[in-house]
Amino acid sequence: MTVAYRPRPSVVRRDSGLYGYERALARRGLKPVAGVDEAGRGACAGPLVVAAVVLGRELDGLNDSKLLTEARREEHYARIMATAKAVSVVVIPPAEIDQRGLHKCNVAGMRRAVAGLGLTPGYILTDGFPVPGLPAPSLAVWKGDQVAACIAAASIVAKVTRDRMMTTLHESFPQYGFAGHKGYVTRDHRAALAHHGPSQHHRFSFVTVARTMPGMRMRENEPGAETGLGTGGPE
């Protein structure tokens, strides 16, 4: 049985910055390297957006999308889209999340995003948790969007795509303030839900939304469900 190569931390640390994983894998002939990440996992409204990216050249300044300003994310998004070898984006609507569950949608979305790249990666880096069924060897990287450039790029593409969608959605549903909180749980969003009730773009299986609808039941895998909070921050 062939065992997939897993870069050792000692090997990765020989390269500085966010490109350590990609360089270590390239030395083994395992390229191109695809990074996969999502945005919207902790939101109670709007889609889950998953992106896969194979970078073309090294780009300075990449980081976890949550640690960048909106302006910087937009700048990096433009650079990624202009120079990447391949980019694939999958949008999973709230109704599918309610039906299948958040984590199942997340894993399936990562598979679909990789399949949509139009090329077969030599290796795949995923953010946070392992994804079975990928077409190449893969490694789950803890806080990968802060330590691997291709995952950081995927996080930026996913977040910019989703933020733009939520800003557009705000035009049709201004009462919820989607342009500001992007569907995440805030005091103003809670107040809007209490006053207006949920829209079709809310995740009815999430506790924050379910509490506004008597008889609704949340899914156990909602972020914060075990504590009854459901207040996951932006991803």
C-alpha atoms as a PDB file:
ATOM      1  CA  MET A   1       0.000   0.000   0.000  1.00  0.00           C
ATOM      2  CA  THR A   2       1.290   3.464  -0.907  1.00  0.00           C
ATOM      3  CA  VAL A   3       1.237   5.960   1.938  1.00  0.00           C
ATOM      4  CA  ALA A   4       0.552   9.560   0.948  1.00  0.00           C
ATOM      5  CA  TYR A   5       3.380  11.960   1.706  1.00  0.00           C
ATOM      6  CA  ARG A   6       2.652  14.262   4.644  1.00  0.00           C
ATOM      7  CA  PRO A   7       5.064  17.204   4.997  1.00  0.00           C
ATOM      8  CA  ARG A   8       6.773  17.164   8.396  1.00  0.00           C
ATOM      9  CA  PRO A   9       6.751  20.460  10.337  1.00  0.00           C
ATOM     10  CA  SER A  10      10.562  20.350  10.400  1.00  0.00           C
ATOM     11  CA  VAL A  11      10.589  20.233   6.594  1.00  0.00           C
ATOM     12  CA  VAL A  12       8.018  22.971   6.213  1.00  0.00           C
ATOM     13  CA  ARG A  13       9.820  25.335   8.591  1.00  0.00           C
ATOM     14  CA  ARG A  14      12.876  25.426   6.364  1.00  0.00           C
ATOM     15  CA  ASP A  15      10.888  27.721   4.122  1.00  0.00           C
ATOM     16  CA  SER A  16       9.736  31.000   5.585  1.00  0.00           C
ATOM     17  CA  GLY A  17       6.312  32.524   5.178  1.00  0.00           C
ATOM     18  CA  LEU A  18       3.129  31.036   3.803  1.00  0.00           C
ATOM     19  CA  TYR A  19       4.757  29.038   1.010  1.00  0.00           C
ATOM     20  CA  GLY A  20       6.462  26.401   3.156  1.00  0.00           C
ATOM     21  CA  TYR A  21       3.905  23.691   2.452  1.00  0.00           C
ATOM     22  CA  GLU A  22       3.804  24.354  -1.287  1.00  0.00           C
ATOM     23  CA  ARG A  23       7.597  24.391  -1.568  1.00  0.00           C
ATOM     24  CA  ALA A  24       8.021  21.207   0.474  1.00  0.00           C
ATOM     25  CA  LEU A  25       5.441  19.424  -1.674  1.00  0.00           C
ATOM     26  CA  ALA A  26       6.958  20.747  -4.903  1.00  0.00           C
ATOM     27  CA  ARG A  27      10.345  19.302  -3.891  1.00  0.00           C
ATOM     28  CA  ARG A  28       8.626  15.923  -3.776  1.00  0.00           C
ATOM     29  CA  GLY A  29       7.096  16.446  -7.193  1.00  0.00           C
ATOM     30  CA  LEU A  30       3.622  16.799  -5.698  1.00  0.00           C
ATOM     31  CA  LYS A  31       2.372  19.782  -7.628  1.00  0.00           C
ATOM     32  CA  PRO A  32       0.351  21.715  -8.410  1.00  0.00           C
ATOM     33  CA  VAL A  33      -0.932  22.192  -4.866  1.00  0.00           C
ATOM     34  CA  ALA A  34      -4.568  23.186  -4.369  1.00  0.00           C
ATOM     35  CA  GLY A  35      -5.844  24.985  -1.285  1.00  0.00           C
ATOM     36  CA  VAL A  36      -9.460  24.701  -0.162  1.00  0.00           C
ATOM     37  CA  ASP A  37     -11.418  26.807   2.326  1.00  0.00           C
ATOM     38  CA  GLU A  38     -14.926  28.085   2.958  1.00  0.00           C
ATOM     39  CA  ALA A  39     -16.725  31.224   4.097  1.00  0.00           C
ATOM     40  CA  GLY A  40     -20.039  31.500   5.899  1.00  0.00           C
ATOM     41  CA  ARG A  41     -19.844  28.431   8.087  1.00  0.00           C
ATOM     42  CA  GLY A  42     -20.835  30.338  11.222  1.00  0.00           C
ATOM     43  CA  ALA A  43     -23.503  32.553   9.646  1.00  0.00           C
ATOM     44  CA  CYS A  44     -27.215  32.026  10.254  1.00  0.00           C
ATOM     45  CA  ALA A  45     -28.198  33.520   6.887  1.00  0.00           C
ATOM     46  CA  GLY A  46     -26.881  33.301   3.358  1.00  0.00           C
ATOM     47  CA  PRO A  47     -24.956  30.568   1.567  1.00  0.00           C
ATOM     48  CA  LEU A  48     -21.897  28.578   2.451  1.00  0.00           C
ATOM     49  CA  VAL A  49     -19.249  29.388  -0.164  1.00  0.00           C
ATOM     50  CA  VAL A  50     -16.346  27.010  -0.793  1.00  0.00           C
ATOM     51  CA  ALA A  51     -13.330  27.862  -2.943  1.00  0.00           C
ATOM     52  CA  ALA A  52     -10.400  25.859  -4.288  1.00  0.00           C
ATOM     53  CA  VAL A  53      -7.344  27.670  -5.650  1.00  0.00           C
ATOM     54  CA  VAL A  54      -4.143  26.618  -7.407  1.00  0.00           C
ATOM     55  CA  LEU A  55      -1.831  29.609  -7.332  1.00  0.00           C
ATOM     56  CA  GLY A  56       0.209  30.504 -10.387  1.00  0.00           C
ATOM     57  CA  ARG A  57       2.958  32.556  -8.806  1.00  0.00           C
ATOM     58  CA  GLU A  58       3.828  33.570  -5.286  1.00  0.00           C
ATOM     59  CA  LEU A  59       1.848  36.567  -4.074  1.00  0.00           C
ATOM     60  CA  ASP A  60       2.985  38.753  -1.187  1.00  0.00           C
ATOM     61  CA  GLY A  61       0.693  39.646   1.686  1.00  0.00           C
ATOM     62  CA  LEU A  62      -1.741  36.732   1.589  1.00  0.00           C
ATOM     63  CA  ASN A  63      -3.329  35.873   4.925  1.00  0.00           C
ATOM     64  CA  ASP A  64      -6.478  34.514   6.513  1.00  0.00           C
ATOM     65  CA  SER A  65      -9.290  36.548   4.946  1.00  0.00           C
ATOM     66  CA  LYS A  66     -10.713  37.343   8.407  1.00  0.00           C
ATOM     67  CA  LEU A  67      -7.470  39.127   9.331  1.00  0.00           C
ATOM     68  CA  LEU A  68      -7.553  41.426   6.298  1.00  0.00           C
ATOM     69  CA  THR A  69      -9.555  44.586   5.765  1.00  0.00           C
ATOM     70  CA  GLU A  70     -12.263  44.532   3.122  1.00  0.00           C
ATOM     71  CA  ALA A  71     -10.129  46.724   0.872  1.00  0.00           C
ATOM     72  CA  ARG A  72      -7.128  44.407   1.180  1.00  0.00           C
ATOM     73  CA  ARG A  73      -9.288  41.348   0.515  1.00  0.00           C
ATOM     74  CA  GLU A  74     -10.582  42.935  -2.670  1.00  0.00           C
ATOM     75  CA  GLU A  75      -7.025  43.760  -3.783  1.00  0.00           C
ATOM     76  CA  HIS A  76      -5.838  40.210  -3.146  1.00  0.00           C
ATOM     77  CA  TYR A  77      -8.944  38.774  -4.806  1.00  0.00           C
ATOM     78  CA  ALA A  78      -8.160  40.658  -8.017  1.00  0.00           C
ATOM     79  CA  ARG A  79      -4.529  39.485  -7.953  1.00  0.00           C
ATOM     80  CA  ILE A  80      -5.507  35.879  -7.291  1.00  0.00           C
ATOM     81  CA  MET A  81      -8.082  35.824 -10.076  1.00  0.00           C
ATOM     82  CA  ALA A  82      -5.603  37.399 -12.511  1.00  0.00           C
ATOM     83  CA  THR A  83      -2.673  35.072 -11.788  1.00  0.00           C
ATOM     84  CA  ALA A  84      -3.994  31.750 -10.437  1.00  0.00           C
ATOM     85  CA  LYS A  85      -3.662  28.589 -12.509  1.00  0.00           C
ATOM     86  CA  ALA A  86      -7.163  27.543 -11.483  1.00  0.00           C
ATOM     87  CA  VAL A  87      -9.999  28.796  -9.272  1.00  0.00           C
ATOM     88  CA  SER A  88     -13.254  27.012  -8.495  1.00  0.00           C
ATOM     89  CA  VAL A  89     -16.133  28.316  -6.371  1.00  0.00           C
ATOM     90  CA  VAL A  90     -19.123  26.374  -5.048  1.00  0.00           C
ATOM     91  CA  VAL A  91     -22.166  28.105  -3.528  1.00  0.00           C
ATOM     92  CA  ILE A  92     -24.365  26.051  -1.200  1.00  0.00           C
ATOM     93  CA  PRO A  93     -27.743  27.678  -0.439  1.00  0.00           C
ATOM     94  CA  PRO A  94     -29.368  27.780   3.015  1.00  0.00           C
ATOM     95  CA  ALA A  95     -32.065  25.257   2.047  1.00  0.00           C
ATOM     96  CA  GLU A  96     -29.414  22.643   1.262  1.00  0.00           C
ATOM     97  CA  ILE A  97     -27.647  23.355   4.549  1.00  0.00           C
ATOM     98  CA  ASP A  98     -30.941  22.859   6.402  1.00  0.00           C
ATOM     99  CA  GLN A  99     -31.629  19.622   4.564  1.00  0.00           C
ATOM    100  CA  ARG A 100     -28.203  17.960   4.683  1.00  0.00           C
ATOM    101  CA  GLY A 101     -26.487  19.588   7.638  1.00  0.00           C
ATOM    102  CA  LEU A 102     -23.642  22.078   7.750  1.00  0.00           C
ATOM    103  CA  HIS A 103     -20.653  19.744   7.962  1.00  0.00           C
ATOM    104  CA  LYS A 104     -21.893  17.393   5.238  1.00  0.00           C
ATOM    105  CA  CYS A 105     -22.420  20.394   2.967  1.00  0.00           C
ATOM    106  CA  ASN A 106     -18.962  21.697   3.835  1.00  0.00           C
ATOM    107  CA  VAL A 107     -17.231  18.418   2.973  1.00  0.00           C
ATOM    108  CA  ALA A 108     -19.269  17.905  -0.205  1.00  0.00           C
ATOM    109  CA  GLY A 109     -18.591  21.507  -1.215  1.00  0.00           C
ATOM    110  CA  MET A 110     -14.845  20.997  -0.863  1.00  0.00           C
ATOM    111  CA  ARG A 111     -14.995  17.924  -3.081  1.00  0.00           C
ATOM    112  CA  ARG A 112     -17.046  19.792  -5.673  1.00  0.00           C
ATOM    113  CA  ALA A 113     -14.706  22.788  -5.598  1.00  0.00           C
ATOM    114  CA  VAL A 114     -11.649  20.611  -6.253  1.00  0.00           C
ATOM    115  CA  ALA A 115     -13.495  18.754  -9.018  1.00  0.00           C
ATOM    116  CA  GLY A 116     -14.298  22.089 -10.649  1.00  0.00           C
ATOM    117  CA  LEU A 117     -10.678  23.222 -10.956  1.00  0.00           C
ATOM    118  CA  GLY A 118     -10.280  21.722 -14.413  1.00  0.00           C
ATOM    119  CA  LEU A 119      -6.972  20.092 -13.462  1.00  0.00           C
ATOM    120  CA  THR A 120      -5.866  17.320 -11.122  1.00  0.00           C
ATOM    121  CA  PRO A 121      -3.739  18.625  -8.242  1.00  0.00           C
ATOM    122  CA  GLY A 122      -0.653  16.772  -7.133  1.00  0.00           C
ATOM    123  CA  TYR A 123      -1.655  17.511  -3.549  1.00  0.00           C
ATOM    124  CA  ILE A 124      -4.530  19.207  -1.740  1.00  0.00           C
ATOM    125  CA  LEU A 125      -4.380  21.255   1.466  1.00  0.00           C
ATOM    126  CA  THR A 126      -7.669  21.736   3.311  1.00  0.00           C
ATOM    127  CA  ASP A 127      -8.358  24.134   6.136  1.00  0.00           C
ATOM    128  CA  GLY A 128      -9.054  22.590   9.508  1.00  0.00           C
ATOM    129  CA  PHE A 129     -10.401  19.110   8.911  1.00  0.00           C
ATOM    130  CA  PRO A 130      -9.759  16.127   6.615  1.00  0.00           C
ATOM    131  CA  VAL A 131     -11.917  15.662   3.528  1.00  0.00           C
ATOM    132  CA  PRO A 132     -12.316  12.080   2.305  1.00  0.00           C
ATOM    133  CA  GLY A 133     -12.893  11.302  -1.347  1.00  0.00           C
ATOM    134  CA  LEU A 134     -10.565  13.889  -2.887  1.00  0.00           C
ATOM    135  CA  PRO A 135      -8.841  13.007  -6.191  1.00  0.00           C
ATOM    136  CA  ALA A 136      -5.297  13.462  -4.828  1.00  0.00           C
ATOM    137  CA  PRO A 137      -3.389  13.032  -1.555  1.00  0.00           C
ATOM    138  CA  SER A 138      -4.471  15.647   0.958  1.00  0.00           C
ATOM    139  CA  LEU A 139      -3.627  17.112   4.325  1.00  0.00           C
ATOM    140  CA  ALA A 140      -5.843  18.986   6.769  1.00  0.00           C
ATOM    141  CA  VAL A 141      -3.916  21.984   8.085  1.00  0.00           C
ATOM    142  CA  TRP A 142      -4.905  23.536  11.410  1.00  0.00           C
ATOM    143  CA  LYS A 143      -5.544  27.245  10.838  1.00  0.00           C
ATOM    144  CA  GLY A 144      -4.403  26.580   7.303  1.00  0.00           C
ATOM    145  CA  ASP A 145      -5.508  29.990   6.050  1.00  0.00           C
ATOM    146  CA  GLN A 146      -2.796  31.500   8.257  1.00  0.00           C
ATOM    147  CA  VAL A 147       0.039  29.121   7.355  1.00  0.00           C
ATOM    148  CA  ALA A 148      -0.477  27.985   3.743  1.00  0.00           C
ATOM    149  CA  ALA A 149      -0.707  30.439   0.851  1.00  0.00           C
ATOM    150  CA  CYS A 150      -3.051  28.378  -1.309  1.00  0.00           C
ATOM    151  CA  ILE A 151      -5.521  27.988   1.582  1.00  0.00           C
ATOM    152  CA  ALA A 152      -5.260  31.701   2.372  1.00  0.00           C
ATOM    153  CA  ALA A 153      -6.042  32.429  -1.281  1.00  0.00           C
ATOM    154  CA  ALA A 154      -9.046  30.105  -1.165  1.00  0.00           C
ATOM    155  CA  SER A 155     -10.294  31.802   1.997  1.00  0.00           C
ATOM    156  CA  ILE A 156     -10.046  35.212   0.311  1.00  0.00           C
ATOM    157  CA  VAL A 157     -11.865  34.057  -2.828  1.00  0.00           C
ATOM    158  CA  ALA A 158     -14.610  32.408  -0.771  1.00  0.00           C
ATOM    159  CA  LYS A 159     -15.113  35.382   1.534  1.00  0.00           C
ATOM    160  CA  VAL A 160     -15.072  38.067  -1.161  1.00  0.00           C
ATOM    161  CA  THR A 161     -17.524  36.032  -3.245  1.00  0.00           C
ATOM    162  CA  ARG A 162     -19.848  35.550  -0.288  1.00  0.00           C
ATOM    163  CA  ASP A 163     -19.602  39.140   0.963  1.00  0.00           C
ATOM    164  CA  ARG A 164     -20.539  40.426  -2.481  1.00  0.00           C
ATOM    165  CA  MET A 165     -23.535  38.086  -2.557  1.00  0.00           C
ATOM    166  CA  MET A 166     -24.710  39.278   0.861  1.00  0.00           C
ATOM    167  CA  THR A 167     -24.330  42.931  -0.161  1.00  0.00           C
ATOM    168  CA  THR A 168     -26.474  42.248  -3.227  1.00  0.00           C
ATOM    169  CA  LEU A 169     -29.011  40.395  -1.070  1.00  0.00           C
ATOM    170  CA  HIS A 170     -29.236  43.461   1.166  1.00  0.00           C
ATOM    171  CA  GLU A 171     -30.753  45.403  -1.728  1.00  0.00           C
ATOM    172  CA  SER A 172     -33.807  43.116  -1.698  1.00  0.00           C
ATOM    173  CA  PHE A 173     -33.931  42.598   2.079  1.00  0.00           C
ATOM    174  CA  PRO A 174     -32.614  45.821   3.645  1.00  0.00           C
ATOM    175  CA  GLN A 175     -34.526  45.208   6.877  1.00  0.00           C
ATOM    176  CA  TYR A 176     -32.002  42.563   7.967  1.00  0.00           C
ATOM    177  CA  GLY A 177     -28.840  44.608   7.427  1.00  0.00           C
ATOM    178  CA  PHE A 178     -27.054  41.900   5.424  1.00  0.00           C
ATOM    179  CA  ALA A 179     -24.609  44.417   3.933  1.00  0.00           C
ATOM    180  CA  GLY A 180     -23.183  45.033   7.393  1.00  0.00           C
ATOM    181  CA  HIS A 181     -23.070  41.710   9.234  1.00  0.00           C
ATOM    182  CA  LYS A 182     -23.088  39.478   6.116  1.00  0.00           C
ATOM    183  CA  GLY A 183     -25.527  37.049   7.732  1.00  0.00           C
ATOM    184  CA  TYR A 184     -23.586  36.452  10.940  1.00  0.00           C
ATOM    185  CA  VAL A 185     -25.208  36.763  14.347  1.00  0.00           C
ATOM    186  CA  THR A 186     -25.039  40.273  15.754  1.00  0.00           C
ATOM    187  CA  ARG A 187     -27.259  42.218  18.117  1.00  0.00           C
ATOM    188  CA  ASP A 188     -28.833  44.098  15.201  1.00  0.00           C
ATOM    189  CA  HIS A 189     -29.392  40.878  13.245  1.00  0.00           C
ATOM    190  CA  ARG A 190     -31.087  39.268  16.259  1.00  0.00           C
ATOM    191  CA  ALA A 191     -33.319  42.319  16.621  1.00  0.00           C
ATOM    192  CA  ALA A 192     -34.255  42.217  12.929  1.00  0.00           C
ATOM    193  CA  LEU A 193     -35.107  38.528  13.183  1.00  0.00           C
ATOM    194  CA  ALA A 194     -37.259  39.146  16.239  1.00  0.00           C
ATOM    195  CA  HIS A 195     -39.103  41.988  14.512  1.00  0.00           C
ATOM    196  CA  HIS A 196     -39.448  40.685  10.935  1.00  0.00           C
ATOM    197  CA  GLY A 197     -39.051  36.939  11.338  1.00  0.00           C
ATOM    198  CA  PRO A 198     -36.687  34.982   9.075  1.00  0.00           C
ATOM    199  CA  SER A 199     -36.489  35.264   5.295  1.00  0.00           C
ATOM    200  CA  GLN A 200     -36.008  32.419   2.840  1.00  0.00           C
ATOM    201  CA  HIS A 201     -32.308  33.218   2.965  1.00  0.00           C
ATOM    202  CA  HIS A 202     -31.996  32.313   6.640  1.00  0.00           C
ATOM    203  CA  ARG A 203     -30.920  28.887   7.882  1.00  0.00           C
ATOM    204  CA  PHE A 204     -34.011  27.592   9.629  1.00  0.00           C
ATOM    205  CA  SER A 205     -32.131  24.730  11.299  1.00  0.00           C
ATOM    206  CA  PHE A 206     -29.851  27.157  13.145  1.00  0.00           C
ATOM    207  CA  VAL A 207     -30.773  27.981  16.739  1.00  0.00           C
ATOM    208  CA  THR A 208     -30.702  31.765  16.279  1.00  0.00           C
ATOM    209  CA  VAL A 209     -33.312  31.473  13.539  1.00  0.00           C
ATOM    210  CA  ALA A 210     -35.245  28.555  15.042  1.00  0.00           C
ATOM    211  CA  ARG A 211     -35.853  30.535  18.224  1.00  0.00           C
ATOM    212  CA  THR A 212     -37.894  33.030  16.232  1.00  0.00           C
ATOM    213  CA  MET A 213     -40.154  30.267  14.908  1.00  0.00           C
ATOM    214  CA  PRO A 214     -42.062  28.155  17.456  1.00  0.00           C
ATOM    215  CA  GLY A 215     -41.830  24.448  16.685  1.00  0.00           C
ATOM    216  CA  MET A 216     -38.628  24.698  14.649  1.00  0.00           C
ATOM    217  CA  ARG A 217     -35.727  22.460  15.667  1.00  0.00           C
ATOM    218  CA  MET A 218     -32.069  23.268  15.101  1.00  0.00           C
ATOM    219  CA  ARG A 219     -29.475  20.824  13.844  1.00  0.00           C
ATOM    220  CA  GLU A 220     -27.002  19.462  16.364  1.00  0.00           C
ATOM    221  CA  ASN A 221     -23.997  20.422  14.247  1.00  0.00           C
ATOM    222  CA  GLU A 222     -24.713  24.134  14.154  1.00  0.00           C
ATOM    223  CA  PRO A 223     -21.776  26.144  15.520  1.00  0.00           C
ATOM    224  CA  GLY A 224     -22.677  26.912  19.133  1.00  0.00           C
ATOM    225  CA  ALA A 225     -25.631  24.523  19.161  1.00  0.00           C
ATOM    226  CA  GLU A 226     -24.348  22.563  22.127  1.00  0.00           C
ATOM    227  CA  THR A 227     -24.301  25.720  24.228  1.00  0.00           C
ATOM    228  CA  GLY A 228     -27.389  27.198  22.637  1.00  0.00           C
ATOM    229  CA  LEU A 229     -25.457  30.219  21.394  1.00  0.00           C
ATOM    230  CA  GLY A 230     -25.098  29.782  17.651  1.00  0.00           C
ATOM    231  CA  THR A 231     -22.942  32.873  17.407  1.00  0.00           C
ATOM    232  CA  GLY A 232     -20.101  31.780  15.174  1.00  0.00           C
ATOM    233  CA  GLY A 233     -18.024  34.662  13.900  1.00  0.00           C
ATOM    234  CA  PRO A 234     -17.178  35.449  10.299  1.00  0.00           C
ATOM    235  CA  GLU A 235     -15.259  32.847   8.324  1.00  0.00           C
END
